[in-house]
Amino acid sequence: MVRFQGVVKRFGAHTVIDGLDLAIARGEKLALIGPSGSGKTTVLRMLMTLERLDAGVIWVDGEPLTQVQRHGKTVPADSAHLRRVRGKIGMVFQQFNLFPHMTALKNCMEAPITVLGLSRREAEERAVDLLAMVGLADKKHHYPNQLSGGQQQRVAIARALAMRPKVMLFDEVTSALDPELVGEVLNVIRKLGAEHDLTMLMVTHQMGFAKEFADRIALFHGGKIEEDGPPATFFTNPRSERTRQFLRAVLEGT
């Protein structure tokens, strides 16, 4: 469903992603872990076209994300191509980024109306269903400042799902939450994984959740994948000494 092929991303002289090759199967749930600055979030931001690639290709559902073939040459994709391919991807950020002047319902209706061209009635029906799915049917007329952090993050998940993406990206979605609110957001993500055929990429520091939820774990270090594999072997029998050091550090700190 998603493939990174020789992808490079630099910020000035600093190479953040260094020749990344990574394939994520349709319906696969991949957890990206690693120390701060290792490139995990940049991977998600490149998929959302929030960061430009310096080299390589990202494929989404069989199509190149930022390039097209024209007259036998590879050229940068135009805005229409970017919008269409990016429309297959939804992202939930660390910060909730809800529109403060809109209710939870309106937050979930806005993009389907303006981007997908849904009627107000269709968009409202979709938004109501999704808010119910994330356990917020009774909060649909509340504004963000009337909701807890966990509730706001659940609205953000519903808003991303309202665009009917095939791929969902989660960027440390519990890091801005108080500890007692983390569980309610993780439960929604569990429900998504169980009930919907979504491909998921998740940057997380929640090792227990990654171990339980993900099909595969990938450890980033210095802009490369140090090691990846299924949770059962990744956590119990890592091949790399760097992986063992990272796991010791994070697991002893929990």
C-alpha atoms as a PDB file:
ATOM      1  CA  MET A   1       0.000   0.000   0.000  1.00  0.00           C
ATOM      2  CA  VAL A   2       2.901   2.351   0.809  1.00  0.00           C
ATOM      3  CA  ARG A   3       6.492   2.032  -0.382  1.00  0.00           C
ATOM      4  CA  PHE A   4       9.501   4.236   0.227  1.00  0.00           C
ATOM      5  CA  GLN A   5      12.174   3.691  -2.418  1.00  0.00           C
ATOM      6  CA  GLY A   6      15.588   5.272  -1.818  1.00  0.00           C
ATOM      7  CA  VAL A   7      14.013   8.239  -0.042  1.00  0.00           C
ATOM      8  CA  VAL A   8      16.320  10.997   1.208  1.00  0.00           C
ATOM      9  CA  LYS A   9      15.368  14.069   3.222  1.00  0.00           C
ATOM     10  CA  ARG A  10      17.823  16.738   4.294  1.00  0.00           C
ATOM     11  CA  PHE A  11      17.455  19.861   6.372  1.00  0.00           C
ATOM     12  CA  GLY A  12      20.422  21.950   5.313  1.00  0.00           C
ATOM     13  CA  ALA A  13      23.552  19.869   5.743  1.00  0.00           C
ATOM     14  CA  HIS A  14      21.779  17.421   8.063  1.00  0.00           C
ATOM     15  CA  THR A  15      20.423  14.221   6.483  1.00  0.00           C
ATOM     16  CA  VAL A  16      17.305  13.209   8.411  1.00  0.00           C
ATOM     17  CA  ILE A  17      16.218  10.305   6.183  1.00  0.00           C
ATOM     18  CA  ASP A  18      19.060   8.483   4.464  1.00  0.00           C
ATOM     19  CA  GLY A  19      18.098   6.256   1.534  1.00  0.00           C
ATOM     20  CA  LEU A  20      14.977   4.772   3.129  1.00  0.00           C
ATOM     21  CA  ASP A  21      13.555   1.581   1.615  1.00  0.00           C
ATOM     22  CA  LEU A  22      10.377   0.490   3.369  1.00  0.00           C
ATOM     23  CA  ALA A  23       7.215  -1.291   2.219  1.00  0.00           C
ATOM     24  CA  ILE A  24       3.952  -1.432   4.166  1.00  0.00           C
ATOM     25  CA  ALA A  25       1.407  -4.008   3.035  1.00  0.00           C
ATOM     26  CA  ARG A  26      -2.270  -3.238   2.555  1.00  0.00           C
ATOM     27  CA  GLY A  27      -3.967  -3.457   5.948  1.00  0.00           C
ATOM     28  CA  GLU A  28      -0.673  -3.712   7.837  1.00  0.00           C
ATOM     29  CA  LYS A  29      -0.196  -1.876  11.144  1.00  0.00           C
ATOM     30  CA  LEU A  30       3.371  -0.604  11.458  1.00  0.00           C
ATOM     31  CA  ALA A  31       4.762   1.032  14.600  1.00  0.00           C
ATOM     32  CA  LEU A  32       7.716   3.375  14.119  1.00  0.00           C
ATOM     33  CA  ILE A  33       9.867   3.721  17.213  1.00  0.00           C
ATOM     34  CA  GLY A  34      13.274   5.192  17.976  1.00  0.00           C
ATOM     35  CA  PRO A  35      15.052   8.049  19.742  1.00  0.00           C
ATOM     36  CA  SER A  36      14.070  11.677  19.192  1.00  0.00           C
ATOM     37  CA  GLY A  37      15.493  13.050  15.968  1.00  0.00           C
ATOM     38  CA  SER A  38      15.802   9.643  14.300  1.00  0.00           C
ATOM     39  CA  GLY A  39      13.440  10.571  11.445  1.00  0.00           C
ATOM     40  CA  LYS A  40      10.192   8.855  12.468  1.00  0.00           C
ATOM     41  CA  THR A  41       7.895  11.864  12.234  1.00  0.00           C
ATOM     42  CA  THR A  42       9.600  13.051   9.037  1.00  0.00           C
ATOM     43  CA  VAL A  43       8.484   9.782   7.399  1.00  0.00           C
ATOM     44  CA  LEU A  44       4.856  10.646   8.152  1.00  0.00           C
ATOM     45  CA  ARG A  45       5.258  14.289   7.122  1.00  0.00           C
ATOM     46  CA  MET A  46       6.707  13.266   3.745  1.00  0.00           C
ATOM     47  CA  LEU A  47       3.714  10.988   3.193  1.00  0.00           C
ATOM     48  CA  MET A  48       1.408  13.963   3.855  1.00  0.00           C
ATOM     49  CA  THR A  49       3.558  16.090   1.474  1.00  0.00           C
ATOM     50  CA  LEU A  50       4.322  18.433   4.371  1.00  0.00           C
ATOM     51  CA  GLU A  51       8.023  17.880   3.636  1.00  0.00           C
ATOM     52  CA  ARG A  52       9.630  17.643   0.188  1.00  0.00           C
ATOM     53  CA  LEU A  53      11.775  14.673  -0.775  1.00  0.00           C
ATOM     54  CA  ASP A  54      15.371  15.361  -1.778  1.00  0.00           C
ATOM     55  CA  ALA A  55      15.670  12.013  -3.563  1.00  0.00           C
ATOM     56  CA  GLY A  56      13.745   8.796  -4.079  1.00  0.00           C
ATOM     57  CA  VAL A  57      10.082   7.950  -4.615  1.00  0.00           C
ATOM     58  CA  ILE A  58       7.149   7.312  -2.310  1.00  0.00           C
ATOM     59  CA  TRP A  59       4.455   5.055  -3.767  1.00  0.00           C
ATOM     60  CA  VAL A  60       0.889   5.072  -2.435  1.00  0.00           C
ATOM     61  CA  ASP A  61      -1.570   2.452  -3.648  1.00  0.00           C
ATOM     62  CA  GLY A  62       0.603   1.813  -6.707  1.00  0.00           C
ATOM     63  CA  GLU A  63       1.093   5.467  -7.684  1.00  0.00           C
ATOM     64  CA  PRO A  64       4.074   7.767  -7.130  1.00  0.00           C
ATOM     65  CA  LEU A  65       3.094  10.450  -4.631  1.00  0.00           C
ATOM     66  CA  THR A  66       5.103  13.466  -5.762  1.00  0.00           C
ATOM     67  CA  GLN A  67       6.140  12.566  -9.321  1.00  0.00           C
ATOM     68  CA  VAL A  68       4.474  11.721 -12.623  1.00  0.00           C
ATOM     69  CA  GLN A  69       5.633  10.514 -16.029  1.00  0.00           C
ATOM     70  CA  ARG A  70       5.103  13.067 -18.762  1.00  0.00           C
ATOM     71  CA  HIS A  71       6.405  12.660 -22.332  1.00  0.00           C
ATOM     72  CA  GLY A  72       8.734   9.902 -21.166  1.00  0.00           C
ATOM     73  CA  LYS A  73      10.244  12.020 -18.380  1.00  0.00           C
ATOM     74  CA  THR A  74       9.769  12.007 -14.621  1.00  0.00           C
ATOM     75  CA  VAL A  75       8.560  15.441 -13.511  1.00  0.00           C
ATOM     76  CA  PRO A  76       7.174  16.869 -10.248  1.00  0.00           C
ATOM     77  CA  ALA A  77       3.481  16.147  -9.817  1.00  0.00           C
ATOM     78  CA  ASP A  78       1.025  19.015 -10.158  1.00  0.00           C
ATOM     79  CA  SER A  79      -1.267  20.070  -7.329  1.00  0.00           C
ATOM     80  CA  ALA A  80      -4.224  18.068  -8.687  1.00  0.00           C
ATOM     81  CA  HIS A  81      -2.214  14.812  -8.622  1.00  0.00           C
ATOM     82  CA  LEU A  82      -0.893  15.587  -5.124  1.00  0.00           C
ATOM     83  CA  ARG A  83      -4.395  16.275  -3.800  1.00  0.00           C
ATOM     84  CA  ARG A  84      -5.807  13.098  -5.344  1.00  0.00           C
ATOM     85  CA  VAL A  85      -3.102  10.736  -4.046  1.00  0.00           C
ATOM     86  CA  ARG A  86      -2.803  12.501  -0.699  1.00  0.00           C
ATOM     87  CA  GLY A  87      -6.576  12.131  -0.379  1.00  0.00           C
ATOM     88  CA  LYS A  88      -5.956   8.429   0.295  1.00  0.00           C
ATOM     89  CA  ILE A  89      -4.082   9.358   3.483  1.00  0.00           C
ATOM     90  CA  GLY A  90      -5.335  10.705   6.804  1.00  0.00           C
ATOM     91  CA  MET A  91      -3.134  11.960   9.629  1.00  0.00           C
ATOM     92  CA  VAL A  92      -3.654  12.605  13.320  1.00  0.00           C
ATOM     93  CA  PHE A  93      -1.047  14.857  14.912  1.00  0.00           C
ATOM     94  CA  GLN A  94       0.351  15.265  18.429  1.00  0.00           C
ATOM     95  CA  GLN A  95      -1.592  18.501  18.767  1.00  0.00           C
ATOM     96  CA  PHE A  96      -5.284  18.225  18.043  1.00  0.00           C
ATOM     97  CA  ASN A  97      -5.450  21.132  15.535  1.00  0.00           C
ATOM     98  CA  LEU A  98      -9.242  21.362  15.743  1.00  0.00           C
ATOM     99  CA  PHE A  99     -10.974  24.496  14.501  1.00  0.00           C
ATOM    100  CA  PRO A 100     -11.762  26.272  17.798  1.00  0.00           C
ATOM    101  CA  HIS A 101     -14.793  28.130  16.392  1.00  0.00           C
ATOM    102  CA  MET A 102     -16.476  24.909  15.181  1.00  0.00           C
ATOM    103  CA  THR A 103     -18.282  22.215  17.137  1.00  0.00           C
ATOM    104  CA  ALA A 104     -17.038  18.633  17.058  1.00  0.00           C
ATOM    105  CA  LEU A 105     -19.684  17.901  14.423  1.00  0.00           C
ATOM    106  CA  LYS A 106     -18.693  20.843  12.206  1.00  0.00           C
ATOM    107  CA  ASN A 107     -14.983  19.967  12.569  1.00  0.00           C
ATOM    108  CA  CYS A 108     -15.772  16.568  11.045  1.00  0.00           C
ATOM    109  CA  MET A 109     -18.026  17.982   8.315  1.00  0.00           C
ATOM    110  CA  GLU A 110     -15.852  20.783   6.936  1.00  0.00           C
ATOM    111  CA  ALA A 111     -13.342  18.862   4.787  1.00  0.00           C
ATOM    112  CA  PRO A 112     -15.811  16.347   3.289  1.00  0.00           C
ATOM    113  CA  ILE A 113     -17.950  19.285   2.121  1.00  0.00           C
ATOM    114  CA  THR A 114     -15.166  21.560   0.844  1.00  0.00           C
ATOM    115  CA  VAL A 115     -12.744  18.915  -0.496  1.00  0.00           C
ATOM    116  CA  LEU A 116     -14.904  15.903  -1.385  1.00  0.00           C
ATOM    117  CA  GLY A 117     -17.976  17.863  -2.402  1.00  0.00           C
ATOM    118  CA  LEU A 118     -20.370  16.003  -0.117  1.00  0.00           C
ATOM    119  CA  SER A 119     -23.733  17.589   0.553  1.00  0.00           C
ATOM    120  CA  ARG A 120     -24.258  19.015   4.016  1.00  0.00           C
ATOM    121  CA  ARG A 121     -26.665  16.181   4.813  1.00  0.00           C
ATOM    122  CA  GLU A 122     -24.222  13.473   3.674  1.00  0.00           C
ATOM    123  CA  ALA A 123     -21.355  15.087   5.573  1.00  0.00           C
ATOM    124  CA  GLU A 124     -23.431  15.393   8.737  1.00  0.00           C
ATOM    125  CA  GLU A 125     -24.545  11.750   8.585  1.00  0.00           C
ATOM    126  CA  ARG A 126     -20.938  10.649   8.140  1.00  0.00           C
ATOM    127  CA  ALA A 127     -19.737  12.897  10.979  1.00  0.00           C
ATOM    128  CA  VAL A 128     -22.445  11.688  13.364  1.00  0.00           C
ATOM    129  CA  ASP A 129     -21.554   8.049  12.655  1.00  0.00           C
ATOM    130  CA  LEU A 130     -17.838   8.662  13.209  1.00  0.00           C
ATOM    131  CA  LEU A 131     -18.310  10.629  16.419  1.00  0.00           C
ATOM    132  CA  ALA A 132     -20.436   7.756  17.688  1.00  0.00           C
ATOM    133  CA  MET A 133     -17.695   5.317  16.704  1.00  0.00           C
ATOM    134  CA  VAL A 134     -15.132   7.230  18.804  1.00  0.00           C
ATOM    135  CA  GLY A 135     -17.560   7.416  21.722  1.00  0.00           C
ATOM    136  CA  LEU A 136     -18.525  11.080  21.408  1.00  0.00           C
ATOM    137  CA  ALA A 137     -22.091  10.989  20.093  1.00  0.00           C
ATOM    138  CA  ASP A 138     -23.209  13.087  23.066  1.00  0.00           C
ATOM    139  CA  LYS A 139     -20.490  15.717  22.497  1.00  0.00           C
ATOM    140  CA  LYS A 140     -21.195  16.560  18.846  1.00  0.00           C
ATOM    141  CA  HIS A 141     -22.382  20.091  19.623  1.00  0.00           C
ATOM    142  CA  HIS A 142     -19.494  20.847  21.995  1.00  0.00           C
ATOM    143  CA  TYR A 143     -16.673  23.186  21.007  1.00  0.00           C
ATOM    144  CA  PRO A 144     -13.044  22.099  21.477  1.00  0.00           C
ATOM    145  CA  ASN A 145     -12.598  24.220  24.620  1.00  0.00           C
ATOM    146  CA  GLN A 146     -15.486  22.279  26.173  1.00  0.00           C
ATOM    147  CA  LEU A 147     -13.746  18.927  25.630  1.00  0.00           C
ATOM    148  CA  SER A 148     -10.920  17.186  27.442  1.00  0.00           C
ATOM    149  CA  GLY A 149      -7.643  16.541  25.640  1.00  0.00           C
ATOM    150  CA  GLY A 150      -8.563  12.915  25.083  1.00  0.00           C
ATOM    151  CA  GLN A 151     -11.944  13.889  23.676  1.00  0.00           C
ATOM    152  CA  GLN A 152     -10.340  16.454  21.353  1.00  0.00           C
ATOM    153  CA  GLN A 153      -7.916  13.828  20.060  1.00  0.00           C
ATOM    154  CA  ARG A 154     -10.817  11.446  19.416  1.00  0.00           C
ATOM    155  CA  VAL A 155     -12.580  14.188  17.430  1.00  0.00           C
ATOM    156  CA  ALA A 156      -9.339  14.628  15.456  1.00  0.00           C
ATOM    157  CA  ILE A 157      -9.370  10.891  14.648  1.00  0.00           C
ATOM    158  CA  ALA A 158     -13.017  11.083  13.546  1.00  0.00           C
ATOM    159  CA  ARG A 159     -12.217  14.132  11.416  1.00  0.00           C
ATOM    160  CA  ALA A 160      -9.388  12.290   9.630  1.00  0.00           C
ATOM    161  CA  LEU A 161     -11.632   9.257   9.034  1.00  0.00           C
ATOM    162  CA  ALA A 162     -14.359  11.472   7.559  1.00  0.00           C
ATOM    163  CA  MET A 163     -12.216  11.749   4.418  1.00  0.00           C
ATOM    164  CA  ARG A 164     -12.397   7.944   3.937  1.00  0.00           C
ATOM    165  CA  PRO A 165      -8.614   7.414   3.778  1.00  0.00           C
ATOM    166  CA  LYS A 166      -6.990   4.098   2.928  1.00  0.00           C
ATOM    167  CA  VAL A 167      -3.920   4.903   5.039  1.00  0.00           C
ATOM    168  CA  MET A 168      -3.958   6.416   8.538  1.00  0.00           C
ATOM    169  CA  LEU A 169      -0.924   8.068  10.115  1.00  0.00           C
ATOM    170  CA  PHE A 170      -0.662   8.657  13.862  1.00  0.00           C
ATOM    171  CA  ASP A 171       2.143  10.909  15.114  1.00  0.00           C
ATOM    172  CA  GLU A 172       2.599  10.335  18.858  1.00  0.00           C
ATOM    173  CA  VAL A 173      -1.104  11.008  19.294  1.00  0.00           C
ATOM    174  CA  THR A 174      -1.008  10.470  23.065  1.00  0.00           C
ATOM    175  CA  SER A 175       2.080  12.564  23.851  1.00  0.00           C
ATOM    176  CA  ALA A 176       0.113  15.760  24.583  1.00  0.00           C
ATOM    177  CA  LEU A 177      -2.387  13.971  26.848  1.00  0.00           C
ATOM    178  CA  ASP A 178      -2.487  13.560  30.596  1.00  0.00           C
ATOM    179  CA  PRO A 179      -1.669   9.937  31.515  1.00  0.00           C
ATOM    180  CA  GLU A 180      -5.231   9.117  32.559  1.00  0.00           C
ATOM    181  CA  LEU A 181      -6.520  10.107  29.091  1.00  0.00           C
ATOM    182  CA  VAL A 182      -4.074   8.016  27.061  1.00  0.00           C
ATOM    183  CA  GLY A 183      -6.100   4.822  27.333  1.00  0.00           C
ATOM    184  CA  GLU A 184      -9.266   6.245  25.803  1.00  0.00           C
ATOM    185  CA  VAL A 185      -7.423   7.310  22.637  1.00  0.00           C
ATOM    186  CA  LEU A 186      -5.528   4.020  22.341  1.00  0.00           C
ATOM    187  CA  ASN A 187      -8.831   2.164  22.690  1.00  0.00           C
ATOM    188  CA  VAL A 188     -10.216   4.065  19.696  1.00  0.00           C
ATOM    189  CA  ILE A 189      -7.142   3.131  17.646  1.00  0.00           C
ATOM    190  CA  ARG A 190      -7.556  -0.512  18.725  1.00  0.00           C
ATOM    191  CA  LYS A 191     -11.165  -0.370  17.528  1.00  0.00           C
ATOM    192  CA  LEU A 192     -10.103   1.099  14.178  1.00  0.00           C
ATOM    193  CA  GLY A 193      -7.573  -1.680  13.703  1.00  0.00           C
ATOM    194  CA  ALA A 194     -10.117  -4.371  14.545  1.00  0.00           C
ATOM    195  CA  GLU A 195     -13.076  -3.063  12.547  1.00  0.00           C
ATOM    196  CA  HIS A 196     -11.618  -1.284   9.515  1.00  0.00           C
ATOM    197  CA  ASP A 197      -9.334  -2.390   6.697  1.00  0.00           C
ATOM    198  CA  LEU A 198      -6.909   0.497   7.135  1.00  0.00           C
ATOM    199  CA  THR A 199      -3.169   0.555   6.592  1.00  0.00           C
ATOM    200  CA  MET A 200      -1.701   2.264   9.665  1.00  0.00           C
ATOM    201  CA  LEU A 201       1.663   3.869  10.382  1.00  0.00           C
ATOM    202  CA  MET A 202       2.112   4.950  13.961  1.00  0.00           C
ATOM    203  CA  VAL A 203       4.963   6.864  15.575  1.00  0.00           C
ATOM    204  CA  THR A 204       4.742   6.017  19.256  1.00  0.00           C
ATOM    205  CA  HIS A 205       6.639   5.861  22.524  1.00  0.00           C
ATOM    206  CA  GLN A 206       3.987   3.548  23.989  1.00  0.00           C
ATOM    207  CA  MET A 207       5.965   0.306  23.815  1.00  0.00           C
ATOM    208  CA  GLY A 208       3.270  -1.816  25.425  1.00  0.00           C
ATOM    209  CA  PHE A 209       0.686  -0.634  22.930  1.00  0.00           C
ATOM    210  CA  ALA A 210       3.069  -1.127  19.984  1.00  0.00           C
ATOM    211  CA  LYS A 211       3.810  -4.663  21.138  1.00  0.00           C
ATOM    212  CA  GLU A 212       0.126  -5.518  21.466  1.00  0.00           C
ATOM    213  CA  PHE A 213      -1.305  -3.664  18.454  1.00  0.00           C
ATOM    214  CA  ALA A 214       1.246  -3.562  15.633  1.00  0.00           C
ATOM    215  CA  ASP A 215       1.880  -6.262  13.060  1.00  0.00           C
ATOM    216  CA  ARG A 216       5.459  -5.015  12.695  1.00  0.00           C
ATOM    217  CA  ILE A 217       7.846  -2.745  14.585  1.00  0.00           C
ATOM    218  CA  ALA A 218      10.525  -0.644  12.872  1.00  0.00           C
ATOM    219  CA  LEU A 219      13.286   1.006  14.892  1.00  0.00           C
ATOM    220  CA  PHE A 220      14.719   4.150  13.330  1.00  0.00           C
ATOM    221  CA  HIS A 221      18.234   5.350  14.062  1.00  0.00           C
ATOM    222  CA  GLY A 222      20.071   8.097  12.208  1.00  0.00           C
ATOM    223  CA  GLY A 223      17.546   8.280   9.396  1.00  0.00           C
ATOM    224  CA  LYS A 224      17.657   4.556   8.641  1.00  0.00           C
ATOM    225  CA  ILE A 225      15.782   1.481   9.828  1.00  0.00           C
ATOM    226  CA  GLU A 226      18.057  -0.226  12.310  1.00  0.00           C
ATOM    227  CA  GLU A 227      15.813  -3.274  12.669  1.00  0.00           C
ATOM    228  CA  ASP A 228      12.249  -4.315  11.946  1.00  0.00           C
ATOM    229  CA  GLY A 229      10.148  -7.372  12.563  1.00  0.00           C
ATOM    230  CA  PRO A 230       7.044  -8.759  14.273  1.00  0.00           C
ATOM    231  CA  PRO A 231       6.611  -7.713  17.919  1.00  0.00           C
ATOM    232  CA  ALA A 232       7.052 -11.254  19.239  1.00  0.00           C
ATOM    233  CA  THR A 233      10.650 -11.417  18.029  1.00  0.00           C
ATOM    234  CA  PHE A 234      11.477  -7.711  17.993  1.00  0.00           C
ATOM    235  CA  PHE A 235      10.972  -7.321  21.744  1.00  0.00           C
ATOM    236  CA  THR A 236      12.177 -10.735  22.879  1.00  0.00           C
ATOM    237  CA  ASN A 237      15.068 -11.466  20.528  1.00  0.00           C
ATOM    238  CA  PRO A 238      16.343  -8.309  18.795  1.00  0.00           C
ATOM    239  CA  ARG A 239      19.255  -8.855  16.408  1.00  0.00           C
ATOM    240  CA  SER A 240      20.951  -5.473  16.736  1.00  0.00           C
ATOM    241  CA  GLU A 241      22.900  -4.301  19.784  1.00  0.00           C
ATOM    242  CA  ARG A 242      21.570  -0.792  19.174  1.00  0.00           C
ATOM    243  CA  THR A 243      18.015  -2.155  19.309  1.00  0.00           C
ATOM    244  CA  ARG A 244      18.805  -3.937  22.561  1.00  0.00           C
ATOM    245  CA  GLN A 245      20.216  -0.721  24.030  1.00  0.00           C
ATOM    246  CA  PHE A 246      17.165   1.293  22.963  1.00  0.00           C
ATOM    247  CA  LEU A 247      14.710  -1.241  24.364  1.00  0.00           C
ATOM    248  CA  ARG A 248      16.607  -1.444  27.651  1.00  0.00           C
ATOM    249  CA  ALA A 249      16.502   2.346  27.965  1.00  0.00           C
ATOM    250  CA  VAL A 250      12.800   2.765  27.201  1.00  0.00           C
ATOM    251  CA  LEU A 251      11.542  -0.317  29.018  1.00  0.00           C
ATOM    252  CA  GLU A 252      13.539   0.398  32.164  1.00  0.00           C
ATOM    253  CA  GLY A 253      12.115   3.919  32.117  1.00  0.00           C
ATOM    254  CA  THR A 254       8.513   2.708  32.118  1.00  0.00           C
END
